[in-house]
């Protein structure tokens, strides 16, 4: 009878592992491809889905959409939740999740800084290439976080969500075309015709 009268927050205290499986499953390749071909916009969706699935198991009320949009501020807290879930499930975690979260945030900040400085003419135009490089590298820490999520879900290869929908393919085609235009434009700026 006492258990029936408990609020959901009290139940969470009894069973801290209740939200350990509530994460967004996606294959590492699909995550990387969609992240890169959407210029990082897929990260908004990825963070949103993870926070949406975690929300019922949290004591405080959160706004998953805002955490998705402003993911740079919530990357570490998601990594901490994943790490806690791994610990409760006796999964091996070598303490690198917070390091990967820091790298993700650092690469995004440095990449955006390089791009902004190049746009304003404060640094040489080839800094745009540094942005592209840092943006590409920023996908690796995100994939590492996803890899741990997939382990938690007993789906180490992300097979639950590894196929591309027609929406995914459409977005990747448009993104690929935009990347092509961006790279050609950047090369034209770096080495203008004589």
C-alpha atoms as a PDB file:
ATOM      1  CA  UNK A   1       0.000   0.000   0.000  1.00  0.00           C
ATOM      2  CA  UNK A   2       2.875   2.361   0.746  1.00  0.00           C
ATOM      3  CA  UNK A   3       4.298   1.808  -2.760  1.00  0.00           C
ATOM      4  CA  UNK A   4       0.927   2.715  -4.316  1.00  0.00           C
ATOM      5  CA  UNK A   5       0.909   6.088  -2.536  1.00  0.00           C
ATOM      6  CA  UNK A   6       4.406   7.068  -3.720  1.00  0.00           C
ATOM      7  CA  UNK A   7       4.885   9.717  -6.353  1.00  0.00           C
ATOM      8  CA  UNK A   8       6.930   8.945  -9.501  1.00  0.00           C
ATOM      9  CA  UNK A   9       9.929  10.790  -8.007  1.00  0.00           C
ATOM     10  CA  UNK A  10       9.830   8.487  -4.974  1.00  0.00           C
ATOM     11  CA  UNK A  11       9.728   5.440  -7.215  1.00  0.00           C
ATOM     12  CA  UNK A  12      12.827   6.714  -9.024  1.00  0.00           C
ATOM     13  CA  UNK A  13      14.671   6.775  -5.721  1.00  0.00           C
ATOM     14  CA  UNK A  14      13.710   3.126  -5.123  1.00  0.00           C
ATOM     15  CA  UNK A  15      14.800   2.029  -8.598  1.00  0.00           C
ATOM     16  CA  UNK A  16      17.570   4.319  -9.896  1.00  0.00           C
ATOM     17  CA  UNK A  17      18.063   2.080 -12.926  1.00  0.00           C
ATOM     18  CA  UNK A  18      14.564   2.818 -14.220  1.00  0.00           C
ATOM     19  CA  UNK A  19      15.806   5.172 -16.938  1.00  0.00           C
ATOM     20  CA  UNK A  20      18.962   3.327 -17.934  1.00  0.00           C
ATOM     21  CA  UNK A  21      17.495   2.017 -21.185  1.00  0.00           C
ATOM     22  CA  UNK A  22      15.705   5.264 -22.100  1.00  0.00           C
ATOM     23  CA  UNK A  23      18.116   6.649 -24.655  1.00  0.00           C
ATOM     24  CA  UNK A  24      17.930   7.225 -28.403  1.00  0.00           C
ATOM     25  CA  UNK A  25      19.311   4.328 -30.391  1.00  0.00           C
ATOM     26  CA  UNK A  26      20.996   4.981 -33.737  1.00  0.00           C
ATOM     27  CA  UNK A  27      23.912   3.354 -35.512  1.00  0.00           C
ATOM     28  CA  UNK A  28      27.239   5.156 -35.338  1.00  0.00           C
ATOM     29  CA  UNK A  29      27.502   5.462 -39.123  1.00  0.00           C
ATOM     30  CA  UNK A  30      24.000   6.881 -39.453  1.00  0.00           C
ATOM     31  CA  UNK A  31      24.670   9.393 -36.674  1.00  0.00           C
ATOM     32  CA  UNK A  32      27.960  10.528 -38.219  1.00  0.00           C
ATOM     33  CA  UNK A  33      26.553  10.762 -41.755  1.00  0.00           C
ATOM     34  CA  UNK A  34      23.447  12.703 -40.743  1.00  0.00           C
ATOM     35  CA  UNK A  35      25.429  14.953 -38.402  1.00  0.00           C
ATOM     36  CA  UNK A  36      27.971  15.858 -41.078  1.00  0.00           C
ATOM     37  CA  UNK A  37      25.581  16.173 -44.007  1.00  0.00           C
ATOM     38  CA  UNK A  38      23.158  18.396 -42.081  1.00  0.00           C
ATOM     39  CA  UNK A  39      25.939  20.743 -40.918  1.00  0.00           C
ATOM     40  CA  UNK A  40      25.373  19.589 -37.343  1.00  0.00           C
ATOM     41  CA  UNK A  41      21.606  20.127 -37.293  1.00  0.00           C
ATOM     42  CA  UNK A  42      21.034  16.423 -36.678  1.00  0.00           C
ATOM     43  CA  UNK A  43      22.741  16.913 -33.304  1.00  0.00           C
ATOM     44  CA  UNK A  44      19.773  19.060 -32.251  1.00  0.00           C
ATOM     45  CA  UNK A  45      17.435  16.167 -33.006  1.00  0.00           C
ATOM     46  CA  UNK A  46      19.782  13.625 -31.377  1.00  0.00           C
ATOM     47  CA  UNK A  47      20.048  15.590 -28.138  1.00  0.00           C
ATOM     48  CA  UNK A  48      16.310  16.306 -28.164  1.00  0.00           C
ATOM     49  CA  UNK A  49      15.439  12.606 -28.508  1.00  0.00           C
ATOM     50  CA  UNK A  50      17.791  11.604 -25.701  1.00  0.00           C
ATOM     51  CA  UNK A  51      16.413  14.254 -23.338  1.00  0.00           C
ATOM     52  CA  UNK A  52      12.833  13.435 -24.325  1.00  0.00           C
ATOM     53  CA  UNK A  53      13.401   9.783 -23.436  1.00  0.00           C
ATOM     54  CA  UNK A  54      15.159  10.687 -20.175  1.00  0.00           C
ATOM     55  CA  UNK A  55      12.584  13.264 -19.054  1.00  0.00           C
ATOM     56  CA  UNK A  56      10.160  10.822 -17.321  1.00  0.00           C
ATOM     57  CA  UNK A  57      13.029   9.543 -15.151  1.00  0.00           C
ATOM     58  CA  UNK A  58      14.245  12.931 -13.958  1.00  0.00           C
ATOM     59  CA  UNK A  59      13.281  14.638 -10.723  1.00  0.00           C
ATOM     60  CA  UNK A  60      13.183  18.123 -12.193  1.00  0.00           C
ATOM     61  CA  UNK A  61      11.075  19.236 -15.121  1.00  0.00           C
ATOM     62  CA  UNK A  62      13.119  19.854 -18.246  1.00  0.00           C
ATOM     63  CA  UNK A  63      12.394  21.079 -21.765  1.00  0.00           C
ATOM     64  CA  UNK A  64      13.894  18.530 -24.179  1.00  0.00           C
ATOM     65  CA  UNK A  65      13.449  20.828 -27.202  1.00  0.00           C
ATOM     66  CA  UNK A  66      15.464  23.594 -25.554  1.00  0.00           C
ATOM     67  CA  UNK A  67      18.112  21.113 -24.467  1.00  0.00           C
ATOM     68  CA  UNK A  68      18.308  19.962 -28.079  1.00  0.00           C
ATOM     69  CA  UNK A  69      18.629  23.475 -29.482  1.00  0.00           C
ATOM     70  CA  UNK A  70      21.125  24.612 -26.843  1.00  0.00           C
ATOM     71  CA  UNK A  71      22.892  21.251 -26.704  1.00  0.00           C
ATOM     72  CA  UNK A  72      26.306  22.783 -26.187  1.00  0.00           C
ATOM     73  CA  UNK A  73      25.222  23.677 -22.632  1.00  0.00           C
ATOM     74  CA  UNK A  74      23.740  20.244 -21.866  1.00  0.00           C
ATOM     75  CA  UNK A  75      26.310  17.909 -23.412  1.00  0.00           C
ATOM     76  CA  UNK A  76      28.068  17.290 -20.101  1.00  0.00           C
ATOM     77  CA  UNK A  77      24.870  16.616 -18.175  1.00  0.00           C
ATOM     78  CA  UNK A  78      23.800  14.033 -20.768  1.00  0.00           C
ATOM     79  CA  UNK A  79      27.252  12.433 -20.595  1.00  0.00           C
ATOM     80  CA  UNK A  80      26.935  12.263 -16.789  1.00  0.00           C
ATOM     81  CA  UNK A  81      23.551  10.539 -17.096  1.00  0.00           C
ATOM     82  CA  UNK A  82      24.973   8.021 -19.578  1.00  0.00           C
ATOM     83  CA  UNK A  83      27.942   7.401 -17.284  1.00  0.00           C
ATOM     84  CA  UNK A  84      25.651   6.856 -14.269  1.00  0.00           C
ATOM     85  CA  UNK A  85      23.541   4.425 -16.295  1.00  0.00           C
ATOM     86  CA  UNK A  86      26.632   2.497 -17.362  1.00  0.00           C
ATOM     87  CA  UNK A  87      27.815   2.275 -13.761  1.00  0.00           C
ATOM     88  CA  UNK A  88      24.448   0.993 -12.530  1.00  0.00           C
ATOM     89  CA  UNK A  89      24.355  -1.600 -15.309  1.00  0.00           C
ATOM     90  CA  UNK A  90      27.914  -2.775 -14.550  1.00  0.00           C
ATOM     91  CA  UNK A  91      29.058  -1.716 -18.019  1.00  0.00           C
ATOM     92  CA  UNK A  92      32.689  -0.770 -18.443  1.00  0.00           C
ATOM     93  CA  UNK A  93      33.284   2.971 -18.663  1.00  0.00           C
ATOM     94  CA  UNK A  94      36.841   4.211 -18.404  1.00  0.00           C
ATOM     95  CA  UNK A  95      35.961   7.761 -17.387  1.00  0.00           C
ATOM     96  CA  UNK A  96      36.230   9.135 -20.888  1.00  0.00           C
ATOM     97  CA  UNK A  97      32.607  10.205 -21.405  1.00  0.00           C
ATOM     98  CA  UNK A  98      33.054  13.625 -19.831  1.00  0.00           C
ATOM     99  CA  UNK A  99      36.271  14.029 -21.793  1.00  0.00           C
ATOM    100  CA  UNK A 100      34.392  13.284 -25.039  1.00  0.00           C
ATOM    101  CA  UNK A 101      31.670  15.747 -24.044  1.00  0.00           C
ATOM    102  CA  UNK A 102      34.350  18.400 -23.458  1.00  0.00           C
ATOM    103  CA  UNK A 103      35.975  17.665 -26.817  1.00  0.00           C
ATOM    104  CA  UNK A 104      32.633  17.941 -28.614  1.00  0.00           C
ATOM    105  CA  UNK A 105      31.952  21.350 -27.061  1.00  0.00           C
ATOM    106  CA  UNK A 106      35.538  22.543 -27.602  1.00  0.00           C
ATOM    107  CA  UNK A 107      35.590  21.549 -31.292  1.00  0.00           C
ATOM    108  CA  UNK A 108      32.268  23.307 -31.897  1.00  0.00           C
ATOM    109  CA  UNK A 109      33.417  26.507 -30.194  1.00  0.00           C
ATOM    110  CA  UNK A 110      36.818  26.590 -31.925  1.00  0.00           C
ATOM    111  CA  UNK A 111      35.295  25.750 -35.297  1.00  0.00           C
ATOM    112  CA  UNK A 112      32.665  28.475 -35.029  1.00  0.00           C
ATOM    113  CA  UNK A 113      35.303  30.942 -33.855  1.00  0.00           C
ATOM    114  CA  UNK A 114      37.532  30.147 -36.850  1.00  0.00           C
ATOM    115  CA  UNK A 115      34.600  30.524 -39.240  1.00  0.00           C
ATOM    116  CA  UNK A 116      33.421  33.806 -37.695  1.00  0.00           C
ATOM    117  CA  UNK A 117      36.913  35.324 -37.737  1.00  0.00           C
ATOM    118  CA  UNK A 118      37.358  34.319 -41.383  1.00  0.00           C
ATOM    119  CA  UNK A 119      33.940  35.776 -42.306  1.00  0.00           C
ATOM    120  CA  UNK A 120      34.893  39.110 -40.747  1.00  0.00           C
ATOM    121  CA  UNK A 121      38.263  39.191 -42.487  1.00  0.00           C
ATOM    122  CA  UNK A 122      40.199  39.120 -39.220  1.00  0.00           C
ATOM    123  CA  UNK A 123      42.122  36.006 -40.223  1.00  0.00           C
ATOM    124  CA  UNK A 124      43.072  34.540 -43.595  1.00  0.00           C
ATOM    125  CA  UNK A 125      40.229  32.869 -45.527  1.00  0.00           C
ATOM    126  CA  UNK A 126      41.797  29.415 -45.147  1.00  0.00           C
ATOM    127  CA  UNK A 127      40.473  29.441 -41.579  1.00  0.00           C
ATOM    128  CA  UNK A 128      37.232  28.253 -43.196  1.00  0.00           C
ATOM    129  CA  UNK A 129      39.058  24.997 -43.868  1.00  0.00           C
ATOM    130  CA  UNK A 130      39.985  24.829 -40.192  1.00  0.00           C
ATOM    131  CA  UNK A 131      36.259  25.113 -39.397  1.00  0.00           C
ATOM    132  CA  UNK A 132      35.488  22.243 -41.769  1.00  0.00           C
ATOM    133  CA  UNK A 133      38.217  20.126 -40.193  1.00  0.00           C
ATOM    134  CA  UNK A 134      37.073  20.869 -36.632  1.00  0.00           C
ATOM    135  CA  UNK A 135      33.456  20.249 -37.588  1.00  0.00           C
ATOM    136  CA  UNK A 136      34.365  16.841 -39.003  1.00  0.00           C
ATOM    137  CA  UNK A 137      36.429  15.981 -35.919  1.00  0.00           C
ATOM    138  CA  UNK A 138      33.526  17.026 -33.643  1.00  0.00           C
ATOM    139  CA  UNK A 139      31.531  14.055 -34.926  1.00  0.00           C
ATOM    140  CA  UNK A 140      33.893  11.576 -33.246  1.00  0.00           C
ATOM    141  CA  UNK A 141      33.111  12.488 -29.608  1.00  0.00           C
ATOM    142  CA  UNK A 142      29.387  12.459 -30.411  1.00  0.00           C
ATOM    143  CA  UNK A 143      29.711   8.981 -31.895  1.00  0.00           C
ATOM    144  CA  UNK A 144      31.562   7.847 -28.761  1.00  0.00           C
ATOM    145  CA  UNK A 145      28.624   8.967 -26.616  1.00  0.00           C
ATOM    146  CA  UNK A 146      26.267   7.100 -28.941  1.00  0.00           C
ATOM    147  CA  UNK A 147      28.451   4.015 -28.756  1.00  0.00           C
ATOM    148  CA  UNK A 148      27.958   3.907 -24.969  1.00  0.00           C
ATOM    149  CA  UNK A 149      24.207   4.419 -25.398  1.00  0.00           C
ATOM    150  CA  UNK A 150      24.082   1.496 -27.808  1.00  0.00           C
ATOM    151  CA  UNK A 151      25.896  -0.667 -25.258  1.00  0.00           C
ATOM    152  CA  UNK A 152      23.320   0.282 -22.632  1.00  0.00           C
ATOM    153  CA  UNK A 153      20.520  -0.731 -24.969  1.00  0.00           C
ATOM    154  CA  UNK A 154      22.170  -4.103 -25.715  1.00  0.00           C
ATOM    155  CA  UNK A 155      22.460  -2.993 -29.333  1.00  0.00           C
ATOM    156  CA  UNK A 156      26.222  -2.445 -29.785  1.00  0.00           C
ATOM    157  CA  UNK A 157      25.934  -1.780 -33.520  1.00  0.00           C
ATOM    158  CA  UNK A 158      22.798   0.378 -33.366  1.00  0.00           C
ATOM    159  CA  UNK A 159      20.795  -2.027 -35.510  1.00  0.00           C
ATOM    160  CA  UNK A 160      17.513  -0.749 -34.015  1.00  0.00           C
ATOM    161  CA  UNK A 161      17.947   2.470 -35.988  1.00  0.00           C
ATOM    162  CA  UNK A 162      20.495   1.840 -38.711  1.00  0.00           C
ATOM    163  CA  UNK A 163      18.368   2.139 -41.842  1.00  0.00           C
ATOM    164  CA  UNK A 164      17.876   5.442 -43.600  1.00  0.00           C
ATOM    165  CA  UNK A 165      14.323   6.685 -44.096  1.00  0.00           C
ATOM    166  CA  UNK A 166      13.352   8.644 -47.192  1.00  0.00           C
ATOM    167  CA  UNK A 167      13.503  11.793 -45.047  1.00  0.00           C
ATOM    168  CA  UNK A 168      17.063  10.926 -43.969  1.00  0.00           C
ATOM    169  CA  UNK A 169      18.084  10.335 -47.591  1.00  0.00           C
ATOM    170  CA  UNK A 170      16.446  13.575 -48.782  1.00  0.00           C
ATOM    171  CA  UNK A 171      18.217  15.564 -46.079  1.00  0.00           C
ATOM    172  CA  UNK A 172      21.545  13.921 -46.921  1.00  0.00           C
ATOM    173  CA  UNK A 173      21.171  14.713 -50.643  1.00  0.00           C
ATOM    174  CA  UNK A 174      20.361  18.373 -49.954  1.00  0.00           C
ATOM    175  CA  UNK A 175      23.178  18.541 -47.397  1.00  0.00           C
ATOM    176  CA  UNK A 176      25.621  16.943 -49.830  1.00  0.00           C
ATOM    177  CA  UNK A 177      24.769  19.539 -52.473  1.00  0.00           C
ATOM    178  CA  UNK A 178      25.189  22.369 -49.953  1.00  0.00           C
ATOM    179  CA  UNK A 179      28.547  20.923 -48.865  1.00  0.00           C
ATOM    180  CA  UNK A 180      29.666  20.809 -52.498  1.00  0.00           C
ATOM    181  CA  UNK A 181      28.707  24.457 -53.020  1.00  0.00           C
ATOM    182  CA  UNK A 182      30.379  25.440 -49.750  1.00  0.00           C
ATOM    183  CA  UNK A 183      33.639  23.674 -50.551  1.00  0.00           C
ATOM    184  CA  UNK A 184      33.786  25.069 -54.089  1.00  0.00           C
ATOM    185  CA  UNK A 185      33.020  28.557 -52.743  1.00  0.00           C
ATOM    186  CA  UNK A 186      35.667  28.261 -50.038  1.00  0.00           C
ATOM    187  CA  UNK A 187      38.272  27.126 -52.536  1.00  0.00           C
ATOM    188  CA  UNK A 188      37.382  30.052 -54.796  1.00  0.00           C
ATOM    189  CA  UNK A 189      37.915  32.483 -51.906  1.00  0.00           C
ATOM    190  CA  UNK A 190      41.193  30.902 -50.832  1.00  0.00           C
ATOM    191  CA  UNK A 191      42.720  30.871 -54.302  1.00  0.00           C
ATOM    192  CA  UNK A 192      40.964  33.549 -56.407  1.00  0.00           C
ATOM    193  CA  UNK A 193      41.666  33.573 -60.156  1.00  0.00           C
ATOM    194  CA  UNK A 194      44.493  35.853 -61.232  1.00  0.00           C
END
